[in-house]
PDB file of N, CA and C in Angstrom:
ATOM      1  N   MET A   1       0.677  -0.892   0.416  1.00  0.00           N
ATOM      2  CA  MET A   1      -0.043  -0.059   0.039  1.00  0.00           C
ATOM      3  C   MET A   1       1.001   1.671  -0.160  1.00  0.00           C
ATOM      4  N   SER A   2       0.119   2.043  -0.680  1.00  0.00           N
ATOM      5  CA  SER A   2       1.162   3.445  -1.090  1.00  0.00           C
ATOM      6  C   SER A   2       0.932   3.985  -0.023  1.00  0.00           C
ATOM      7  N   GLU A   3       2.115   4.805   0.945  1.00  0.00           N
ATOM      8  CA  GLU A   3       1.216   6.306   1.543  1.00  0.00           C
ATOM      9  C   GLU A   3       0.948   7.026   0.745  1.00  0.00           C
ATOM     10  N   HIS A   4       0.932   7.262   0.103  1.00  0.00           N
ATOM     11  CA  HIS A   4       0.496   8.654  -1.105  1.00  0.00           C
ATOM     12  C   HIS A   4      -0.612   8.373  -0.618  1.00  0.00           C
ATOM     13  N   ASN A   5      -1.153   7.446  -1.207  1.00  0.00           N
ATOM     14  CA  ASN A   5      -2.676   6.738  -1.755  1.00  0.00           C
ATOM     15  C   ASN A   5      -3.722   6.316  -0.413  1.00  0.00           C
ATOM     16  N   GLU A   6      -2.839   6.488   0.122  1.00  0.00           N
ATOM     17  CA  GLU A   6      -3.705   5.808   1.084  1.00  0.00           C
ATOM     18  C   GLU A   6      -3.235   5.737   3.023  1.00  0.00           C
ATOM     19  N   LYS A   7      -3.643   6.390   4.216  1.00  0.00           N
ATOM     20  CA  LYS A   7      -3.685   5.987   5.215  1.00  0.00           C
ATOM     21  C   LYS A   7      -3.894   4.752   5.391  1.00  0.00           C
ATOM     22  N   TRP A   8      -1.594   4.729   6.294  1.00  0.00           N
ATOM     23  CA  TRP A   8      -1.175   3.651   6.939  1.00  0.00           C
ATOM     24  C   TRP A   8      -1.713   3.083   8.167  1.00  0.00           C
ATOM     25  N   LYS A   9      -1.409   1.638   7.790  1.00  0.00           N
ATOM     26  CA  LYS A   9      -2.335   1.021   9.864  1.00  0.00           C
ATOM     27  C   LYS A   9      -1.017  -0.141  10.400  1.00  0.00           C
ATOM     28  N   ALA A  10      -0.631   0.863  11.244  1.00  0.00           N
ATOM     29  CA  ALA A  10      -0.155  -0.810  11.900  1.00  0.00           C
ATOM     30  C   ALA A  10      -0.338  -2.123  12.119  1.00  0.00           C
ATOM     31  N   GLU A  11      -1.471  -2.804  11.760  1.00  0.00           N
ATOM     32  CA  GLU A  11      -1.908  -3.658  11.502  1.00  0.00           C
ATOM     33  C   GLU A  11      -1.385  -4.542   9.672  1.00  0.00           C
ATOM     34  N   GLU A  12      -0.873  -3.824   9.117  1.00  0.00           N
ATOM     35  CA  GLU A  12      -1.157  -4.633   7.599  1.00  0.00           C
ATOM     36  C   GLU A  12       0.830  -4.656   8.211  1.00  0.00           C
ATOM     37  N   ALA A  13       1.246  -3.954   8.939  1.00  0.00           N
ATOM     38  CA  ALA A  13       3.139  -3.881   9.926  1.00  0.00           C
ATOM     39  C   ALA A  13       2.537  -4.926  10.651  1.00  0.00           C
ATOM     40  N   ILE A  14       1.662  -5.179  11.569  1.00  0.00           N
ATOM     41  CA  ILE A  14       1.988  -6.142  12.407  1.00  0.00           C
ATOM     42  C   ILE A  14       0.571  -7.392  12.790  1.00  0.00           C
ATOM     43  N   GLY A  15       1.320  -8.539  12.547  1.00  0.00           N
ATOM     44  CA  GLY A  15      -0.256  -9.138  12.292  1.00  0.00           C
ATOM     45  C   GLY A  15      -0.513  -9.133  13.736  1.00  0.00           C
ATOM     46  N   GLY A  16      -1.610 -10.773  14.533  1.00  0.00           N
ATOM     47  CA  GLY A  16      -1.779 -10.599  16.704  1.00  0.00           C
ATOM     48  C   GLY A  16      -1.676 -10.096  17.858  1.00  0.00           C
ATOM     49  N   ASN A  17      -1.348  -9.381  17.772  1.00  0.00           N
ATOM     50  CA  ASN A  17      -2.589  -8.702  19.500  1.00  0.00           C
ATOM     51  C   ASN A  17      -2.805  -8.046  18.820  1.00  0.00           C
ATOM     52  N   ARG A  18      -4.783  -6.948  18.508  1.00  0.00           N
ATOM     53  CA  ARG A  18      -4.665  -6.005  18.803  1.00  0.00           C
ATOM     54  C   ARG A  18      -5.218  -4.894  18.981  1.00  0.00           C
ATOM     55  N   ALA A  19      -5.175  -5.727  20.850  1.00  0.00           N
ATOM     56  CA  ALA A  19      -5.792  -5.045  22.160  1.00  0.00           C
ATOM     57  C   ALA A  19      -4.333  -4.350  22.069  1.00  0.00           C
ATOM     58  N   ALA A  20      -2.917  -4.332  22.277  1.00  0.00           N
ATOM     59  CA  ALA A  20      -2.151  -4.099  21.955  1.00  0.00           C
ATOM     60  C   ALA A  20      -1.460  -2.861  20.946  1.00  0.00           C
ATOM     61  N   VAL A  21      -2.511  -3.829  20.048  1.00  0.00           N
ATOM     62  CA  VAL A  21      -1.851  -1.845  19.367  1.00  0.00           C
ATOM     63  C   VAL A  21      -2.572  -0.849  19.327  1.00  0.00           C
ATOM     64  N   GLU A  22      -3.390  -1.142  19.800  1.00  0.00           N
ATOM     65  CA  GLU A  22      -4.953  -0.319  20.262  1.00  0.00           C
ATOM     66  C   GLU A  22      -4.839   0.529  21.215  1.00  0.00           C
ATOM     67  N   ALA A  23      -4.300  -0.465  22.698  1.00  0.00           N
ATOM     68  CA  ALA A  23      -3.499  -0.028  23.467  1.00  0.00           C
ATOM     69  C   ALA A  23      -2.575   1.072  22.900  1.00  0.00           C
ATOM     70  N   LEU A  24      -1.139   1.006  22.975  1.00  0.00           N
ATOM     71  CA  LEU A  24      -0.440   2.019  22.329  1.00  0.00           C
ATOM     72  C   LEU A  24      -0.746   2.491  21.533  1.00  0.00           C
ATOM     73  N   ARG A  25      -1.540   2.530  20.577  1.00  0.00           N
ATOM     74  CA  ARG A  25      -2.482   3.652  19.522  1.00  0.00           C
ATOM     75  C   ARG A  25      -2.154   4.677  20.880  1.00  0.00           C
ATOM     76  N   GLU A  26      -4.075   3.790  21.221  1.00  0.00           N
ATOM     77  CA  GLU A  26      -3.658   5.149  22.703  1.00  0.00           C
ATOM     78  C   GLU A  26      -2.801   6.064  23.243  1.00  0.00           C
ATOM     79  N   LEU A  27      -1.702   5.745  24.245  1.00  0.00           N
ATOM     80  CA  LEU A  27      -1.051   6.044  24.826  1.00  0.00           C
ATOM     81  C   LEU A  27       0.221   7.053  23.340  1.00  0.00           C
ATOM     82  N   ILE A  28      -0.214   6.680  22.649  1.00  0.00           N
ATOM     83  CA  ILE A  28       0.905   7.404  21.716  1.00  0.00           C
ATOM     84  C   ILE A  28       0.226   8.843  20.670  1.00  0.00           C
ATOM     85  N   THR A  29      -0.940   8.151  19.952  1.00  0.00           N
ATOM     86  CA  THR A  29      -1.553   9.298  19.073  1.00  0.00           C
ATOM     87  C   THR A  29      -2.720  10.130  19.987  1.00  0.00           C
ATOM     88  N   PHE A  30      -3.405   9.917  21.675  1.00  0.00           N
ATOM     89  CA  PHE A  30      -3.861  10.310  22.179  1.00  0.00           C
ATOM     90  C   PHE A  30      -3.640  11.934  22.351  1.00  0.00           C
ATOM     91  N   PRO A  31      -2.206  11.767  23.463  1.00  0.00           N
ATOM     92  CA  PRO A  31      -1.506  13.480  23.622  1.00  0.00           C
ATOM     93  C   PRO A  31      -0.856  13.952  22.093  1.00  0.00           C
ATOM     94  N   LEU A  32      -0.835  13.062  21.285  1.00  0.00           N
ATOM     95  CA  LEU A  32      -0.861  14.599  20.073  1.00  0.00           C
ATOM     96  C   LEU A  32      -1.618  14.691  19.609  1.00  0.00           C
ATOM     97  N   LEU A  33      -3.566  14.684  19.163  1.00  0.00           N
ATOM     98  CA  LEU A  33      -3.984  14.560  18.394  1.00  0.00           C
ATOM     99  C   LEU A  33      -5.046  15.557  19.744  1.00  0.00           C
ATOM    100  N   TYR A  34      -5.476  15.291  21.038  1.00  0.00           N
ATOM    101  CA  TYR A  34      -5.867  15.844  22.143  1.00  0.00           C
ATOM    102  C   TYR A  34      -5.034  16.651  22.964  1.00  0.00           C
ATOM    103  N   SER A  35      -4.137  17.055  23.206  1.00  0.00           N
ATOM    104  CA  SER A  35      -2.872  17.714  23.816  1.00  0.00           C
ATOM    105  C   SER A  35      -4.342  19.723  24.128  1.00  0.00           C
ATOM    106  N   SER A  36      -4.565  19.869  23.359  1.00  0.00           N
ATOM    107  CA  SER A  36      -5.017  21.030  23.555  1.00  0.00           C
ATOM    108  C   SER A  36      -6.444  21.033  24.147  1.00  0.00           C
ATOM    109  N   GLN A  37      -7.298  20.057  23.907  1.00  0.00           N
ATOM    110  CA  GLN A  37      -8.252  19.821  25.380  1.00  0.00           C
ATOM    111  C   GLN A  37      -7.466  19.189  26.056  1.00  0.00           C
ATOM    112  N   ALA A  38      -6.781  18.726  26.628  1.00  0.00           N
ATOM    113  CA  ALA A  38      -6.058  17.832  27.439  1.00  0.00           C
ATOM    114  C   ALA A  38      -5.829  18.985  28.838  1.00  0.00           C
ATOM    115  N   GLN A  39      -4.938  19.561  28.219  1.00  0.00           N
ATOM    116  CA  GLN A  39      -4.615  20.899  28.723  1.00  0.00           C
ATOM    117  C   GLN A  39      -5.527  21.802  29.755  1.00  0.00           C
ATOM    118  N   LYS A  40      -7.171  22.174  28.576  1.00  0.00           N
ATOM    119  CA  LYS A  40      -8.158  22.267  28.537  1.00  0.00           C
ATOM    120  C   LYS A  40      -9.063  21.545  31.171  1.00  0.00           C
ATOM    121  N   LEU A  41      -8.658  20.329  30.515  1.00  0.00           N
ATOM    122  CA  LEU A  41      -8.797  19.681  31.884  1.00  0.00           C
ATOM    123  C   LEU A  41      -7.812  19.719  32.499  1.00  0.00           C
ATOM    124  N   GLY A  42      -6.698  19.709  31.757  1.00  0.00           N
ATOM    125  CA  GLY A  42      -5.731  19.090  33.589  1.00  0.00           C
ATOM    126  C   GLY A  42      -4.959  18.657  33.109  1.00  0.00           C
ATOM    127  N   LEU A  43      -5.085  17.527  32.640  1.00  0.00           N
ATOM    128  CA  LEU A  43      -4.972  16.284  31.665  1.00  0.00           C
ATOM    129  C   LEU A  43      -3.023  16.198  32.078  1.00  0.00           C
ATOM    130  N   LYS A  44      -2.372  14.436  32.349  1.00  0.00           N
ATOM    131  CA  LYS A  44      -1.502  14.686  31.904  1.00  0.00           C
ATOM    132  C   LYS A  44      -1.221  13.361  31.885  1.00  0.00           C
ATOM    133  N   TRP A  45      -0.484  13.308  29.736  1.00  0.00           N
ATOM    134  CA  TRP A  45       0.280  12.627  29.241  1.00  0.00           C
ATOM    135  C   TRP A  45       0.926  11.432  29.835  1.00  0.00           C
ATOM    136  N   PRO A  46       1.265  10.699  29.814  1.00  0.00           N
ATOM    137  CA  PRO A  46       2.242   9.473  30.196  1.00  0.00           C
ATOM    138  C   PRO A  46       3.442  10.476  28.949  1.00  0.00           C
ATOM    139  N   ARG A  47       4.797  10.758  29.446  1.00  0.00           N
ATOM    140  CA  ARG A  47       6.250  11.210  28.853  1.00  0.00           C
ATOM    141  C   ARG A  47       7.488  10.751  27.920  1.00  0.00           C
ATOM    142  N   GLY A  48       6.039   9.060  28.862  1.00  0.00           N
ATOM    143  CA  GLY A  48       7.283   7.840  27.232  1.00  0.00           C
ATOM    144  C   GLY A  48       7.012   6.860  28.154  1.00  0.00           C
ATOM    145  N   LEU A  49       7.612   5.880  27.184  1.00  0.00           N
ATOM    146  CA  LEU A  49       7.617   3.900  27.018  1.00  0.00           C
ATOM    147  C   LEU A  49       8.161   3.315  27.192  1.00  0.00           C
ATOM    148  N   LEU A  50       7.554   2.129  28.313  1.00  0.00           N
ATOM    149  CA  LEU A  50       8.665   1.234  28.512  1.00  0.00           C
ATOM    150  C   LEU A  50       8.184   0.020  28.185  1.00  0.00           C
ATOM    151  N   LEU A  51       7.841  -0.679  26.914  1.00  0.00           N
ATOM    152  CA  LEU A  51       7.639  -2.294  26.621  1.00  0.00           C
ATOM    153  C   LEU A  51       8.928  -2.603  27.204  1.00  0.00           C
ATOM    154  N   TYR A  52       9.252  -4.101  27.858  1.00  0.00           N
ATOM    155  CA  TYR A  52       9.927  -5.476  28.339  1.00  0.00           C
ATOM    156  C   TYR A  52       9.139  -6.519  28.378  1.00  0.00           C
ATOM    157  N   GLY A  53      10.269  -8.010  28.111  1.00  0.00           N
ATOM    158  CA  GLY A  53      10.089  -8.614  27.320  1.00  0.00           C
ATOM    159  C   GLY A  53      11.667  -9.563  26.721  1.00  0.00           C
ATOM    160  N   VAL A  54      10.947 -10.686  26.447  1.00  0.00           N
ATOM    161  CA  VAL A  54      12.276 -11.654  25.823  1.00  0.00           C
ATOM    162  C   VAL A  54      12.691 -10.468  24.031  1.00  0.00           C
ATOM    163  N   PRO A  55      14.134 -10.483  23.993  1.00  0.00           N
ATOM    164  CA  PRO A  55      14.218 -10.938  22.571  1.00  0.00           C
ATOM    165  C   PRO A  55      13.221 -10.852  22.473  1.00  0.00           C
ATOM    166  N   GLY A  56      13.014 -10.564  20.728  1.00  0.00           N
ATOM    167  CA  GLY A  56      12.354 -10.891  19.466  1.00  0.00           C
ATOM    168  C   GLY A  56      10.758 -11.178  19.422  1.00  0.00           C
ATOM    169  N   THR A  57      10.926 -10.499  20.545  1.00  0.00           N
ATOM    170  CA  THR A  57       8.771 -11.066  20.951  1.00  0.00           C
ATOM    171  C   THR A  57       8.114  -9.923  19.469  1.00  0.00           C
ATOM    172  N   GLY A  58       8.356  -8.051  19.211  1.00  0.00           N
ATOM    173  CA  GLY A  58       7.887  -7.936  18.460  1.00  0.00           C
ATOM    174  C   GLY A  58       7.981  -6.261  19.190  1.00  0.00           C
ATOM    175  N   LYS A  59       8.294  -5.865  20.252  1.00  0.00           N
ATOM    176  CA  LYS A  59       7.816  -5.105  21.008  1.00  0.00           C
ATOM    177  C   LYS A  59       8.084  -3.445  19.709  1.00  0.00           C
ATOM    178  N   THR A  60       9.792  -3.467  19.622  1.00  0.00           N
ATOM    179  CA  THR A  60       9.973  -2.846  19.036  1.00  0.00           C
ATOM    180  C   THR A  60       9.336  -2.597  16.918  1.00  0.00           C
ATOM    181  N   SER A  61       9.080  -2.810  16.764  1.00  0.00           N
ATOM    182  CA  SER A  61       8.712  -3.463  15.517  1.00  0.00           C
ATOM    183  C   SER A  61       6.886  -2.851  15.679  1.00  0.00           C
ATOM    184  N   LEU A  62       6.045  -3.065  17.244  1.00  0.00           N
ATOM    185  CA  LEU A  62       5.109  -2.694  17.723  1.00  0.00           C
ATOM    186  C   LEU A  62       4.552  -1.298  17.622  1.00  0.00           C
ATOM    187  N   VAL A  63       5.833  -0.632  18.522  1.00  0.00           N
ATOM    188  CA  VAL A  63       6.244   0.860  18.739  1.00  0.00           C
ATOM    189  C   VAL A  63       6.307   1.320  17.320  1.00  0.00           C
ATOM    190  N   ARG A  64       7.313   0.687  16.139  1.00  0.00           N
ATOM    191  CA  ARG A  64       7.691   1.027  15.127  1.00  0.00           C
ATOM    192  C   ARG A  64       6.603   1.059  14.096  1.00  0.00           C
ATOM    193  N   ALA A  65       5.340   0.344  14.046  1.00  0.00           N
ATOM    194  CA  ALA A  65       4.338   0.896  13.161  1.00  0.00           C
ATOM    195  C   ALA A  65       3.599   1.585  13.872  1.00  0.00           C
ATOM    196  N   VAL A  66       3.383   1.164  15.549  1.00  0.00           N
ATOM    197  CA  VAL A  66       1.939   2.130  15.747  1.00  0.00           C
ATOM    198  C   VAL A  66       2.653   4.325  15.821  1.00  0.00           C
ATOM    199  N   VAL A  67       3.899   4.149  15.749  1.00  0.00           N
ATOM    200  CA  VAL A  67       4.606   6.055  15.233  1.00  0.00           C
ATOM    201  C   VAL A  67       4.659   6.055  13.635  1.00  0.00           C
ATOM    202  N   ARG A  68       4.857   5.003  13.036  1.00  0.00           N
ATOM    203  CA  ARG A  68       4.795   5.007  11.579  1.00  0.00           C
ATOM    204  C   ARG A  68       3.462   5.464  11.641  1.00  0.00           C
ATOM    205  N   GLU A  69       2.055   5.158  12.260  1.00  0.00           N
ATOM    206  CA  GLU A  69       1.177   5.427  12.357  1.00  0.00           C
ATOM    207  C   GLU A  69       0.363   6.975  12.319  1.00  0.00           C
ATOM    208  N   CYS A  70       1.156   7.201  13.350  1.00  0.00           N
ATOM    209  CA  CYS A  70       0.758   8.885  14.074  1.00  0.00           C
ATOM    210  C   CYS A  70       1.044   9.672  12.909  1.00  0.00           C
ATOM    211  N   GLY A  71       2.924   9.666  12.495  1.00  0.00           N
ATOM    212  CA  GLY A  71       4.078  10.327  11.784  1.00  0.00           C
ATOM    213  C   GLY A  71       4.817  10.869  12.673  1.00  0.00           C
ATOM    214  N   ALA A  72       4.583  11.133  13.743  1.00  0.00           N
ATOM    215  CA  ALA A  72       5.024  11.232  15.134  1.00  0.00           C
ATOM    216  C   ALA A  72       6.579  10.076  15.093  1.00  0.00           C
ATOM    217  N   HIS A  73       8.122  11.172  16.166  1.00  0.00           N
ATOM    218  CA  HIS A  73       9.488  10.356  15.916  1.00  0.00           C
ATOM    219  C   HIS A  73       9.728   9.675  17.176  1.00  0.00           C
ATOM    220  N   LEU A  74      10.402   8.717  16.692  1.00  0.00           N
ATOM    221  CA  LEU A  74      10.017   7.871  18.216  1.00  0.00           C
ATOM    222  C   LEU A  74      11.651   7.289  18.250  1.00  0.00           C
ATOM    223  N   THR A  75      12.096   7.434  19.523  1.00  0.00           N
ATOM    224  CA  THR A  75      14.006   7.653  20.402  1.00  0.00           C
ATOM    225  C   THR A  75      14.007   5.662  20.935  1.00  0.00           C
ATOM    226  N   VAL A  76      14.884   4.866  20.366  1.00  0.00           N
ATOM    227  CA  VAL A  76      14.787   3.201  20.498  1.00  0.00           C
ATOM    228  C   VAL A  76      15.947   3.414  21.100  1.00  0.00           C
ATOM    229  N   ILE A  77      16.090   3.208  23.017  1.00  0.00           N
ATOM    230  CA  ILE A  77      17.241   2.861  23.282  1.00  0.00           C
ATOM    231  C   ILE A  77      17.246   1.478  23.212  1.00  0.00           C
TER     232      ILE A  77
END
């Protein structure tokens, strides 16, 4: 799928746990999309995200897919 023709979705790159994709989507995209509304309500978004687990289970790939979907910047340490 071309990024220019249609909106890219994380599910296209990551198969499997839809609940994990949705949870990450909320943690990453909501602060970007609704920052002004959150400020008015006095809400504070998380400033970081830590995924842990055994190597090779797709943690980084999952985050990269969701971040790419919303066009945000990602730093992997």
